[in-house]
């Protein structure tokens, strides 16, 4: 990390640094795009992944924190802080031409903080209605419905967008644009549709049955989790993570707890660490079984759908015995877990491990090798390794493009450094490869669980002692875990109070819808269903 500091000082002498959870670099907006190019392209730095884009309102100023990862330098992370020169009329130069994932990420920042990004090709709101008044994550946002009434009329479809450009004299001007041309034929898909797996909406322009462009429309179930977190204590915000990607409930909550524990310097007891890791892998199996069943169902294979649910019910039964719930478990707490394992836990997990090999053979026999399934999935929805990195597509979808990006391997946490397992990679770069990664990952999760059963202490504390009133010290922290659909990140900034100043959740599914246009263009409209199923996004993980 000290080497990064030296190199950055060399390429940008005006840089100032702050130490903390990771190296933070302050960059002036006028220099940001030039510095960003060097951060990405200089082989001594090679920050090829834009991990997170966090909008911030520090009251006296607004700006953005860009978390960058260098995969060629041990996956080291730095944070770049860029302030808008004028808080009342905020602009920051875009980096969406360097890291394509910034396209959606910067639109989210604009939506919630009002920061417009110069040269961004599509400066529209991301979640809120186009006629929404104000930007909700600003500290001065007026949420009183009497003074700032919520629009009640139906929202009209609007194809207008804008691009803000900087002219030679430094003046920033707005150039209007359109999402679709006036002569394009646009088909609406969702938000009420079983194959969007929730209230997600896509607008697709088509030429006959061939997709030309896909516009993802989010926000139909947006719940304002990040805004609500600013008025709640740290224990009170834990339950939100179970209700985002509900098929990554344990992993997401694990991540939030780890971020808080890192800030407080809490050491989690050994038994709780093993339990957390086991729950994460059971969650992964449950998620991949659901993905298998829904992918099959979307292609018309009803029998395979019920096969996947049959074994998933066994996992949910295990969760219910220990956690008291099957979906929103609320199990991880700051310092450990809320309750010890049910007496049947080891027996039930062992039974699951015993029957899964034969059940996986059934799945492959009934669906994987089916000629219709292969024709619908193979060479459909192509996503190259380079594109996966550029759009930060992690998890099974990234590994289906042969990108080694498993957070359990790159930044081992909990007990993952103590178990042996293979990071599953496929080279097909298509929907079939993504499907196969999930099927093979079920086998690897079973291997991990078998080893963890041997590592599980017979007894011991299940949570550490924590203060009755939890106040994080001043500072900022970022934590990642490998959730069921990719790398899930939690950002917390604290000013020393019992409530967080800012919480941001970097969800993998938000990035997945960012490649729907890329992966669907040029394919048939029926393939949009297949591609969405193979990417396996969960809508509440997008609509945070």
Protein backbone atom coordinates (compact mmCIF):
# COMPACT_ATOMS: atom_id res chain seq x y z
CA UNK A 1 0.00 0.00 0.00
CA UNK A 2 2.91 2.37 0.69
CA UNK A 3 4.11 1.66 -2.87
CA UNK A 4 0.74 2.83 -4.20
CA UNK A 5 1.10 6.03 -2.20
CA UNK A 6 4.53 6.71 -3.70
CA UNK A 7 3.42 5.99 -7.27
CA UNK A 8 0.25 8.07 -6.96
CA UNK A 9 2.28 10.99 -5.57
CA UNK A 10 4.55 10.66 -8.59
CA UNK A 11 1.77 10.72 -11.19
CA UNK A 12 -0.33 13.28 -9.28
CA UNK A 13 1.81 15.50 -7.02
CA UNK A 14 -1.27 17.41 -5.78
CA UNK A 15 -2.68 14.27 -4.13
CA UNK A 16 -3.25 14.25 -0.39
CA UNK A 17 -3.77 11.05 1.59
CA UNK A 18 -5.74 9.85 4.58
CA UNK A 19 -5.00 6.62 6.42
CA UNK A 20 -7.77 4.37 7.60
CA UNK A 21 -9.42 1.12 6.65
CA UNK A 22 -7.66 1.52 3.30
CA UNK A 23 -5.59 4.24 1.68
CA UNK A 24 -7.74 7.24 0.76
CA UNK A 25 -6.59 9.61 -1.99
CA UNK A 26 -8.02 13.11 -2.35
CA UNK A 27 -8.25 14.20 -5.99
CA UNK A 28 -9.57 17.50 -7.32
CA UNK A 29 -12.45 17.07 -9.75
CA UNK A 30 -10.67 19.00 -12.53
CA UNK A 31 -7.90 16.37 -12.43
CA UNK A 32 -10.07 13.34 -11.67
CA UNK A 33 -10.54 11.86 -15.14
CA UNK A 34 -6.85 12.17 -16.00
CA UNK A 35 -5.82 10.62 -12.68
CA UNK A 36 -8.42 7.86 -13.10
CA UNK A 37 -6.93 6.93 -16.49
CA UNK A 38 -3.51 6.55 -14.90
CA UNK A 39 -4.86 4.61 -11.94
CA UNK A 40 -6.39 2.13 -14.35
CA UNK A 41 -3.75 1.95 -17.09
CA UNK A 42 -0.42 2.40 -15.27
CA UNK A 43 0.87 -1.19 -14.85
CA UNK A 44 2.39 -0.25 -11.48
CA UNK A 45 -1.15 0.42 -10.22
CA UNK A 46 -3.53 -1.42 -12.56
CA UNK A 47 -6.77 -0.63 -10.74
CA UNK A 48 -8.86 -2.55 -13.23
CA UNK A 49 -12.03 -2.94 -11.12
CA UNK A 50 -14.29 -0.16 -9.91
CA UNK A 51 -15.65 -1.89 -6.81
CA UNK A 52 -18.03 0.72 -5.41
CA UNK A 53 -19.24 4.26 -6.05
CA UNK A 54 -20.49 5.89 -2.84
CA UNK A 55 -22.25 9.24 -2.95
CA UNK A 56 -21.67 11.41 0.11
CA UNK A 57 -23.07 14.57 1.70
CA UNK A 58 -20.67 15.97 4.30
CA UNK A 59 -23.03 18.96 4.85
CA UNK A 60 -20.40 21.51 3.87
CA UNK A 61 -19.70 19.66 0.63
CA UNK A 62 -20.93 16.77 -1.52
CA UNK A 63 -18.83 14.27 -3.41
CA UNK A 64 -18.11 10.68 -4.30
CA UNK A 65 -15.91 7.93 -2.89
CA UNK A 66 -14.62 5.57 -5.59
CA UNK A 67 -13.35 2.21 -4.30
CA UNK A 68 -10.85 0.72 -6.76
CA UNK A 69 -9.38 -2.79 -6.77
CA UNK A 70 -6.18 -3.98 -8.45
CA UNK A 71 -6.59 -7.66 -9.29
CA UNK A 72 -2.95 -7.96 -10.36
CA UNK A 73 -1.67 -6.61 -7.02
CA UNK A 74 -3.20 -9.07 -4.55
CA UNK A 75 -6.64 -7.49 -4.92
CA UNK A 76 -5.55 -4.43 -2.95
CA UNK A 77 -8.13 -1.66 -2.56
CA UNK A 78 -7.82 2.11 -2.43
CA UNK A 79 -10.47 4.80 -2.07
CA UNK A 80 -10.49 8.00 -4.13
CA UNK A 81 -12.38 10.99 -2.75
CA UNK A 82 -13.65 13.56 -5.25
CA UNK A 83 -15.59 16.63 -4.14
CA UNK A 84 -17.97 18.62 -6.32
CA UNK A 85 -16.58 22.17 -6.60
CA UNK A 86 -20.02 23.69 -5.96
CA UNK A 87 -22.36 22.01 -3.49
CA UNK A 88 -25.41 23.98 -4.65
CA UNK A 89 -24.82 23.09 -8.30
CA UNK A 90 -22.71 19.93 -8.07
CA UNK A 91 -20.82 18.42 -11.01
CA UNK A 92 -18.12 15.74 -11.12
CA UNK A 93 -16.45 14.30 -14.21
CA UNK A 94 -17.64 10.80 -15.12
CA UNK A 95 -15.40 7.75 -15.31
CA UNK A 96 -18.06 5.62 -17.05
CA UNK A 97 -15.88 5.56 -20.17
CA UNK A 98 -13.07 3.92 -18.16
CA UNK A 99 -15.07 1.54 -15.97
CA UNK A 100 -18.40 0.72 -17.57
CA UNK A 101 -19.90 -0.27 -14.22
CA UNK A 102 -19.93 3.46 -13.39
CA UNK A 103 -22.75 3.98 -15.87
CA UNK A 104 -25.42 2.72 -13.46
CA UNK A 105 -23.45 3.53 -10.30
CA UNK A 106 -23.13 7.22 -11.14
CA UNK A 107 -26.80 7.40 -12.10
CA UNK A 108 -27.65 6.14 -8.61
CA UNK A 109 -25.49 8.89 -7.07
CA UNK A 110 -27.20 11.50 -9.24
CA UNK A 111 -30.62 10.19 -8.21
CA UNK A 112 -29.96 10.35 -4.47
CA UNK A 113 -27.49 13.25 -4.19
CA UNK A 114 -28.14 15.42 -7.24
CA UNK A 115 -24.53 15.23 -8.44
CA UNK A 116 -24.45 15.39 -12.24
CA UNK A 117 -21.59 13.68 -14.01
CA UNK A 118 -19.96 15.55 -16.88
CA UNK A 119 -19.84 13.48 -20.11
CA UNK A 120 -21.98 10.71 -18.65
CA UNK A 121 -24.03 9.42 -21.62
CA UNK A 122 -27.33 8.89 -19.79
CA UNK A 123 -27.91 11.24 -16.87
CA UNK A 124 -31.36 10.05 -15.79
CA UNK A 125 -32.71 9.14 -12.37
CA UNK A 126 -32.17 5.48 -11.50
CA UNK A 127 -34.76 4.59 -8.85
CA UNK A 128 -36.92 7.61 -8.12
CA UNK A 129 -39.61 8.93 -10.45
CA UNK A 130 -38.52 11.46 -13.04
CA UNK A 131 -40.79 14.06 -11.42
CA UNK A 132 -39.55 13.40 -7.86
CA UNK A 133 -38.70 16.60 -6.01
CA UNK A 134 -35.24 16.61 -4.43
CA UNK A 135 -32.58 14.01 -3.78
CA UNK A 136 -33.40 11.83 -0.74
CA UNK A 137 -29.93 11.07 0.62
CA UNK A 138 -28.95 14.71 0.91
CA UNK A 139 -28.81 15.76 4.56
CA UNK A 140 -31.07 18.75 3.85
CA UNK A 141 -33.73 16.70 2.06
CA UNK A 142 -37.25 17.56 3.20
CA UNK A 143 -39.14 14.29 3.73
CA UNK A 144 -42.28 15.95 5.12
CA UNK A 145 -45.12 14.88 2.78
CA UNK A 146 -47.02 18.09 3.48
CA UNK A 147 -44.19 20.41 2.49
CA UNK A 148 -42.80 18.02 -0.14
CA UNK A 149 -45.77 15.97 -1.39
CA UNK A 150 -45.23 12.61 -3.05
CA UNK A 151 -46.47 12.54 -6.68
CA UNK A 152 -49.63 10.45 -6.92
CA UNK A 153 -50.29 10.57 -10.65
CA UNK A 154 -49.18 7.71 -12.87
CA UNK A 155 -45.65 8.26 -14.11
CA UNK A 156 -45.43 8.73 -17.85
CA UNK A 157 -42.90 6.88 -19.97
CA UNK A 158 -40.21 9.31 -20.95
CA UNK A 159 -37.45 8.65 -23.44
CA UNK A 160 -35.72 11.96 -22.77
CA UNK A 161 -32.29 11.86 -21.20
CA UNK A 162 -29.44 14.32 -20.98
CA UNK A 163 -25.68 14.58 -21.25
CA UNK A 164 -23.78 17.37 -19.54
CA UNK A 165 -20.65 18.46 -21.41
CA UNK A 166 -17.93 20.94 -20.61
CA UNK A 167 -17.17 23.47 -23.35
CA UNK A 168 -13.78 24.99 -24.10
CA UNK A 169 -14.48 28.02 -21.91
CA UNK A 170 -15.29 25.78 -18.94
CA UNK A 171 -19.04 26.32 -19.15
CA UNK A 172 -21.11 23.18 -18.52
CA UNK A 173 -24.09 22.81 -20.84
CA UNK A 174 -26.90 20.29 -21.09
CA UNK A 175 -27.35 18.36 -24.31
CA UNK A 176 -30.71 16.58 -24.56
CA UNK A 177 -30.89 13.04 -25.86
CA UNK A 178 -33.21 10.08 -26.17
CA UNK A 179 -33.12 6.54 -24.79
CA UNK A 180 -34.87 5.17 -27.88
CA UNK A 181 -35.30 6.75 -31.26
CA UNK A 182 -38.75 7.93 -32.27
CA UNK A 183 -38.93 5.26 -34.99
CA UNK A 184 -37.87 2.35 -32.74
CA UNK A 185 -40.40 -0.31 -31.79
CA UNK A 186 -40.23 -0.73 -27.99
CA UNK A 187 -41.63 -3.75 -26.15
CA UNK A 188 -42.41 -3.52 -22.44
CA UNK A 189 -41.38 -6.49 -20.28
CA UNK A 190 -42.49 -6.39 -16.64
CA UNK A 191 -42.69 -5.19 -13.92
CA UNK A 192 -45.49 -7.72 -13.28
CA UNK A 193 -44.03 -10.78 -14.96
CA UNK A 194 -43.00 -14.14 -13.43
CA UNK A 195 -39.74 -14.32 -15.38
CA UNK A 196 -38.42 -11.01 -14.04
CA UNK A 197 -38.37 -12.76 -10.64
CA UNK A 198 -39.85 -9.71 -9.00
CA UNK A 199 -41.02 -6.24 -9.95
CA UNK A 200 -38.27 -5.46 -12.45
CA UNK A 201 -39.06 -3.79 -15.76
CA UNK A 202 -37.19 -3.88 -19.05
CA UNK A 203 -37.98 -1.87 -22.15
CA UNK A 204 -36.55 -3.49 -25.24
CA UNK A 205 -36.39 -2.09 -28.75
CA UNK A 206 -36.74 -4.88 -31.28
CA UNK A 207 -36.27 -5.43 -34.98
CA UNK A 208 -38.69 -8.24 -35.68
CA UNK A 209 -37.81 -10.64 -32.85
CA UNK A 210 -34.21 -9.45 -32.48
CA UNK A 211 -33.35 -7.24 -29.51
CA UNK A 212 -31.54 -4.01 -30.41
CA UNK A 213 -31.37 -2.33 -26.98
CA UNK A 214 -32.58 -2.97 -23.43
CA UNK A 215 -33.36 -0.22 -20.92
CA UNK A 216 -33.58 -1.43 -17.30
CA UNK A 217 -36.16 0.45 -15.20
CA UNK A 218 -35.68 -0.02 -11.45
CA UNK A 219 -37.27 1.37 -8.32
CA UNK A 220 -40.67 -0.32 -8.14
CA UNK A 221 -40.02 -1.65 -4.61
CA UNK A 222 -37.35 0.80 -3.48
CA UNK A 223 -37.54 0.99 0.32
CA UNK A 224 -34.93 3.58 1.20
CA UNK A 225 -32.88 1.23 3.38
CA UNK A 226 -29.77 3.42 3.27
CA UNK A 227 -31.75 6.52 4.26
CA UNK A 228 -33.57 4.75 7.11
CA UNK A 229 -30.25 3.43 8.45
CA UNK A 230 -29.11 6.98 9.22
CA UNK A 231 -31.76 7.26 11.93
CA UNK A 232 -31.34 3.82 13.52
CA UNK A 233 -28.75 2.27 15.83
CA UNK A 234 -26.32 -0.33 14.52
CA UNK A 235 -28.19 -3.33 15.97
CA UNK A 236 -31.43 -1.96 14.49
CA UNK A 237 -30.10 -1.84 10.92
CA UNK A 238 -28.99 -5.49 10.86
CA UNK A 239 -32.37 -6.85 9.74
CA UNK A 240 -32.32 -4.85 6.51
CA UNK A 241 -29.67 -7.11 4.99
CA UNK A 242 -31.83 -10.23 5.29
CA UNK A 243 -34.48 -8.50 3.20
CA UNK A 244 -32.33 -7.36 0.30
CA UNK A 245 -31.11 -10.46 -1.53
CA UNK A 246 -33.16 -12.86 0.58
CA UNK A 247 -31.21 -15.73 -1.04
CA UNK A 248 -28.01 -14.26 0.42
CA UNK A 249 -29.52 -13.32 3.77
CA UNK A 250 -26.84 -14.94 5.95
CA UNK A 251 -23.92 -13.69 3.84
CA UNK A 252 -25.21 -10.13 3.61
CA UNK A 253 -25.86 -9.86 7.34
CA UNK A 254 -22.48 -11.50 8.01
CA UNK A 255 -20.87 -8.72 5.96
CA UNK A 256 -22.58 -5.91 7.89
CA UNK A 257 -21.65 -7.51 11.22
CA UNK A 258 -18.02 -7.92 10.09
CA UNK A 259 -17.85 -4.26 9.05
CA UNK A 260 -19.11 -3.11 12.46
CA UNK A 261 -16.86 -5.60 14.28
CA UNK A 262 -13.84 -4.40 12.33
CA UNK A 263 -14.59 -0.82 13.35
CA UNK A 264 -14.97 -1.81 17.01
CA UNK A 265 -12.04 -4.25 17.06
CA UNK A 266 -14.27 -7.13 18.22
CA UNK A 267 -12.95 -10.69 17.97
CA UNK A 268 -15.71 -13.19 17.23
CA UNK A 269 -15.55 -16.48 19.20
CA UNK A 270 -14.33 -19.55 17.36
CA UNK A 271 -17.60 -21.48 17.53
CA UNK A 272 -19.52 -18.50 16.15
CA UNK A 273 -17.04 -18.14 13.28
CA UNK A 274 -17.54 -21.75 12.21
CA UNK A 275 -21.32 -21.47 12.56
CA UNK A 276 -21.39 -18.29 10.46
CA UNK A 277 -19.37 -19.95 7.70
CA UNK A 278 -21.61 -23.01 7.69
CA UNK A 279 -24.73 -20.87 7.45
CA UNK A 280 -23.20 -18.94 4.55
CA UNK A 281 -22.59 -22.15 2.59
CA UNK A 282 -26.02 -23.57 3.35
CA UNK A 283 -27.40 -20.26 2.09
CA UNK A 284 -25.36 -20.62 -1.10
CA UNK A 285 -26.71 -24.13 -1.72
CA UNK A 286 -30.28 -22.93 -1.12
CA UNK A 287 -29.76 -20.03 -3.53
CA UNK A 288 -28.22 -22.11 -6.30
CA UNK A 289 -31.00 -24.69 -5.99
CA UNK A 290 -33.56 -21.93 -6.43
CA UNK A 291 -31.61 -20.59 -9.41
CA UNK A 292 -31.56 -24.06 -10.96
CA UNK A 293 -35.29 -24.48 -10.51
CA UNK A 294 -36.20 -21.02 -11.80
CA UNK A 295 -33.90 -21.28 -14.81
CA UNK A 296 -35.55 -24.59 -15.69
CA UNK A 297 -39.02 -23.15 -15.11
CA UNK A 298 -38.31 -20.13 -17.33
CA UNK A 299 -37.43 -22.56 -20.12
CA UNK A 300 -40.59 -24.60 -19.52
CA UNK A 301 -39.05 -27.51 -17.54
CA UNK A 302 -41.59 -27.76 -14.72
CA UNK A 303 -40.31 -31.08 -13.37
CA UNK A 304 -36.80 -29.74 -12.79
CA UNK A 305 -38.29 -26.78 -10.92
CA UNK A 306 -39.81 -29.11 -8.32
CA UNK A 307 -36.59 -31.15 -8.10
CA UNK A 308 -34.67 -28.04 -7.05
CA UNK A 309 -37.26 -27.05 -4.48
CA UNK A 310 -37.26 -30.53 -2.97
CA UNK A 311 -33.69 -30.22 -1.63
CA UNK A 312 -34.01 -26.51 -0.95
CA UNK A 313 -36.78 -27.31 1.51
CA UNK A 314 -34.28 -29.42 3.46
CA UNK A 315 -31.97 -26.43 3.79
CA UNK A 316 -34.83 -24.18 4.88
CA UNK A 317 -35.83 -26.78 7.48
CA UNK A 318 -32.28 -26.61 8.89
CA UNK A 319 -32.51 -22.81 9.05
CA UNK A 320 -35.93 -22.92 10.70
CA UNK A 321 -34.79 -25.22 13.51
CA UNK A 322 -31.89 -23.01 14.54
CA UNK A 323 -33.03 -19.53 13.49
CA UNK A 324 -36.78 -19.81 13.92
CA UNK A 325 -37.38 -18.64 10.34
CA UNK A 326 -36.91 -19.96 6.83
CA UNK A 327 -36.16 -16.81 4.82
CA UNK A 328 -35.45 -13.75 6.99
CA UNK A 329 -33.38 -15.49 9.62
CA UNK A 330 -32.01 -12.51 11.62
CA UNK A 331 -29.31 -14.84 12.90
CA UNK A 332 -25.97 -13.03 12.84
CA UNK A 333 -25.53 -10.33 15.47
CA UNK A 334 -22.67 -7.99 16.30
CA UNK A 335 -20.06 -10.21 17.95
CA UNK A 336 -21.37 -13.61 16.81
CA UNK A 337 -24.74 -15.30 16.41
CA UNK A 338 -27.97 -14.82 18.33
CA UNK A 339 -28.56 -18.47 19.32
CA UNK A 340 -26.65 -21.74 19.38
CA UNK A 341 -27.28 -24.52 16.87
CA UNK A 342 -30.30 -26.78 17.17
CA UNK A 343 -29.40 -30.27 18.52
CA UNK A 344 -30.34 -31.77 15.13
CA UNK A 345 -28.12 -29.39 13.13
CA UNK A 346 -25.10 -31.66 12.61
CA UNK A 347 -27.30 -34.68 11.83
CA UNK A 348 -29.45 -32.73 9.37
CA UNK A 349 -26.47 -31.18 7.56
CA UNK A 350 -24.78 -34.57 7.31
CA UNK A 351 -27.95 -36.04 5.79
CA UNK A 352 -28.05 -33.22 3.23
CA UNK A 353 -24.41 -33.89 2.30
CA UNK A 354 -25.14 -37.60 1.95
CA UNK A 355 -28.01 -37.21 -0.51
CA UNK A 356 -26.78 -34.23 -2.61
CA UNK A 357 -24.43 -36.18 -4.95
CA UNK A 358 -27.25 -38.42 -6.17
CA UNK A 359 -29.67 -35.49 -6.42
CA UNK A 360 -27.19 -33.47 -8.51
CA UNK A 361 -27.00 -36.41 -10.92
CA UNK A 362 -30.79 -36.23 -11.21
CA UNK A 363 -30.66 -32.52 -12.00
CA UNK A 364 -28.11 -33.05 -14.72
CA UNK A 365 -30.05 -35.98 -16.16
CA UNK A 366 -33.42 -34.21 -16.25
CA UNK A 367 -32.23 -30.74 -17.38
CA UNK A 368 -28.52 -30.04 -17.87
CA UNK A 369 -28.04 -32.50 -20.71
CA UNK A 370 -31.39 -31.80 -22.30
CA UNK A 371 -30.98 -30.75 -25.93
CA UNK A 372 -33.56 -27.95 -25.59
CA UNK A 373 -31.84 -26.54 -22.48
CA UNK A 374 -28.45 -26.58 -24.18
CA UNK A 375 -29.79 -24.93 -27.34
CA UNK A 376 -31.42 -22.17 -25.28
CA UNK A 377 -28.41 -21.54 -23.02
CA UNK A 378 -25.26 -22.21 -25.04
CA UNK A 379 -23.76 -19.27 -26.93
CA UNK A 380 -26.58 -17.06 -25.67
CA UNK A 381 -25.94 -13.92 -23.64
CA UNK A 382 -22.21 -13.78 -24.29
CA UNK A 383 -20.13 -11.82 -21.75
CA UNK A 384 -16.35 -11.86 -22.20
CA UNK A 385 -13.91 -11.90 -19.31
CA UNK A 386 -12.84 -8.34 -20.13
CA UNK A 387 -16.46 -7.17 -20.10
CA UNK A 388 -17.13 -8.96 -16.81
CA UNK A 389 -14.21 -7.10 -15.22
CA UNK A 390 -15.22 -3.77 -16.76
CA UNK A 391 -18.79 -4.10 -15.47
CA UNK A 392 -17.65 -5.69 -12.17
CA UNK A 393 -19.77 -8.79 -12.72
CA UNK A 394 -18.68 -11.04 -9.87
CA UNK A 395 -20.03 -14.29 -8.45
CA UNK A 396 -21.13 -17.19 -10.67
CA UNK A 397 -21.86 -14.83 -13.59
CA UNK A 398 -18.30 -13.47 -13.52
CA UNK A 399 -16.75 -16.89 -13.00
CA UNK A 400 -18.80 -18.16 -15.94
CA UNK A 401 -16.70 -15.74 -17.99
CA UNK A 402 -13.51 -17.31 -16.57
CA UNK A 403 -12.84 -14.40 -14.20
CA UNK A 404 -11.29 -15.58 -10.93
CA UNK A 405 -13.09 -13.24 -8.52
CA UNK A 406 -14.17 -15.32 -5.52
CA UNK A 407 -13.95 -13.12 -2.42
CA UNK A 408 -13.52 -16.24 -0.26
CA UNK A 409 -10.20 -16.80 -2.05
CA UNK A 410 -9.08 -13.21 -2.68
CA UNK A 411 -9.85 -11.84 0.79
CA UNK A 412 -10.46 -14.89 3.03
CA UNK A 413 -12.69 -14.19 6.04
CA UNK A 414 -14.36 -16.25 8.76
CA UNK A 415 -13.07 -19.86 8.30
CA UNK A 416 -12.49 -19.89 4.54
CA UNK A 417 -8.71 -19.90 4.86
CA UNK A 418 -8.95 -23.18 6.80
CA UNK A 419 -10.92 -25.23 4.27
CA UNK A 420 -10.00 -26.60 0.88
CA UNK A 421 -12.30 -25.91 -2.06
CA UNK A 422 -12.04 -25.11 -5.74
CA UNK A 423 -12.95 -21.76 -7.20
CA UNK A 424 -15.28 -22.87 -10.00
CA UNK A 425 -14.49 -21.30 -13.37
CA UNK A 426 -16.05 -21.88 -16.78
CA UNK A 427 -14.73 -20.59 -20.10
CA UNK A 428 -17.99 -20.55 -22.10
CA UNK A 429 -18.83 -16.91 -21.23
CA UNK A 430 -22.49 -17.68 -21.97
CA UNK A 431 -25.69 -18.48 -20.08
CA UNK A 432 -24.84 -22.17 -19.98
CA UNK A 433 -21.47 -21.45 -18.34
CA UNK A 434 -23.14 -19.36 -15.62
CA UNK A 435 -25.61 -22.14 -15.00
CA UNK A 436 -22.83 -24.73 -14.75
CA UNK A 437 -20.83 -22.63 -12.29
CA UNK A 438 -23.77 -22.68 -9.89
CA UNK A 439 -24.26 -26.41 -10.25
CA UNK A 440 -20.58 -27.09 -9.57
CA UNK A 441 -20.52 -24.61 -6.68
CA UNK A 442 -23.16 -26.69 -4.92
CA UNK A 443 -20.61 -29.53 -4.90
CA UNK A 444 -17.91 -27.21 -3.52
CA UNK A 445 -20.21 -25.90 -0.80
CA UNK A 446 -20.87 -29.49 0.24
CA UNK A 447 -17.08 -30.03 0.49
CA UNK A 448 -16.73 -26.93 2.65
CA UNK A 449 -19.58 -27.99 4.93
CA UNK A 450 -18.08 -31.45 5.39
CA UNK A 451 -14.80 -29.89 6.58
CA UNK A 452 -16.58 -27.38 8.81
CA UNK A 453 -18.46 -30.13 10.59
CA UNK A 454 -15.06 -31.45 11.67
CA UNK A 455 -13.85 -27.96 12.67
CA UNK A 456 -16.98 -27.12 14.69
CA UNK A 457 -16.04 -26.95 18.40
CA UNK A 458 -18.19 -29.15 20.61
CA UNK A 459 -18.87 -26.17 22.85
CA UNK A 460 -17.87 -22.56 23.35
CA UNK A 461 -19.13 -19.00 23.32
CA UNK A 462 -21.37 -18.01 20.44
CA UNK A 463 -20.92 -14.23 20.70
CA UNK A 464 -18.45 -11.77 22.12
CA UNK A 465 -19.19 -9.16 24.74
CA UNK A 466 -20.25 -5.90 23.09
CA UNK A 467 -21.18 -2.53 24.61
CA UNK A 468 -24.85 -2.01 25.45
CA UNK A 469 -24.79 1.16 23.37
CA UNK A 470 -22.68 0.68 20.25
CA UNK A 471 -20.91 3.75 18.93
CA UNK A 472 -18.38 3.34 16.15
CA UNK A 473 -15.33 5.60 16.31
CA UNK A 474 -15.02 8.34 13.72
CA UNK A 475 -13.91 6.96 10.38
CA UNK A 476 -15.03 4.93 7.39
CA UNK A 477 -14.92 1.19 6.74
CA UNK A 478 -15.62 -1.07 3.79
CA UNK A 479 -16.16 -4.83 4.02
CA UNK A 480 -16.85 -7.47 1.38
CA UNK A 481 -18.08 -11.07 1.40
CA UNK A 482 -18.87 -13.62 -1.30
CA UNK A 483 -22.67 -13.65 -1.39
CA UNK A 484 -24.67 -16.09 -3.51
CA UNK A 485 -24.67 -13.79 -6.55
CA UNK A 486 -21.29 -12.14 -6.19
CA UNK A 487 -19.30 -9.74 -4.08
CA UNK A 488 -21.48 -7.91 -1.57
CA UNK A 489 -20.00 -4.80 0.05
CA UNK A 490 -20.91 -2.68 3.06
CA UNK A 491 -19.66 0.89 3.52
CA UNK A 492 -20.06 2.70 6.84
CA UNK A 493 -18.99 6.22 7.74
CA UNK A 494 -19.25 7.19 11.39
CA UNK A 495 -18.93 10.48 13.24
CA UNK A 496 -18.83 8.75 16.63
CA UNK A 497 -22.56 8.58 17.26
CA UNK A 498 -24.77 5.57 17.99
CA UNK A 499 -26.29 5.94 14.52
CA UNK A 500 -24.26 5.73 11.30
CA UNK A 501 -23.63 8.93 9.35
CA UNK A 502 -23.82 6.99 6.08
CA UNK A 503 -24.39 3.35 5.15
CA UNK A 504 -24.08 2.09 1.58
CA UNK A 505 -24.70 -1.42 0.32
CA UNK A 506 -22.86 -2.41 -2.84
CA UNK A 507 -25.06 -5.20 -4.16
CA UNK A 508 -23.95 -7.56 -6.94
CA UNK A 509 -27.40 -7.66 -8.55
CA UNK A 510 -27.28 -3.93 -9.31
CA UNK A 511 -24.30 -4.61 -11.56
CA UNK A 512 -26.00 -7.63 -13.12
CA UNK A 513 -28.86 -5.58 -14.57
CA UNK A 514 -26.21 -3.19 -15.88
CA UNK A 515 -25.18 -5.81 -18.46
CA UNK A 516 -28.68 -6.76 -19.62
CA UNK A 517 -28.36 -4.43 -22.61
CA UNK A 518 -24.90 -5.80 -23.45
CA UNK A 519 -25.83 -9.48 -23.09
CA UNK A 520 -29.27 -9.29 -24.76
CA UNK A 521 -28.53 -7.10 -27.79
CA UNK A 522 -28.45 -9.14 -30.98
CA UNK A 523 -30.36 -12.08 -29.51
CA UNK A 524 -34.04 -13.01 -29.79
CA UNK A 525 -36.65 -11.47 -27.50
CA UNK A 526 -37.26 -14.97 -26.05
CA UNK A 527 -33.57 -15.11 -25.11
CA UNK A 528 -34.07 -12.11 -22.79
CA UNK A 529 -35.88 -14.51 -20.43
CA UNK A 530 -33.03 -17.03 -20.59
CA UNK A 531 -30.29 -14.45 -20.11
CA UNK A 532 -32.03 -12.89 -17.11
CA UNK A 533 -32.49 -16.31 -15.52
CA UNK A 534 -28.82 -17.20 -16.00
CA UNK A 535 -27.63 -13.87 -14.56
CA UNK A 536 -29.88 -14.69 -11.58
CA UNK A 537 -30.54 -11.22 -10.20
CA UNK A 538 -32.83 -10.69 -7.19
CA UNK A 539 -34.86 -7.50 -7.34
CA UNK A 540 -34.79 -6.33 -3.67
CA UNK A 541 -30.98 -6.48 -3.90
CA UNK A 542 -31.22 -3.85 -6.67
CA UNK A 543 -34.02 -1.77 -5.17
CA UNK A 544 -32.37 -1.07 -1.87
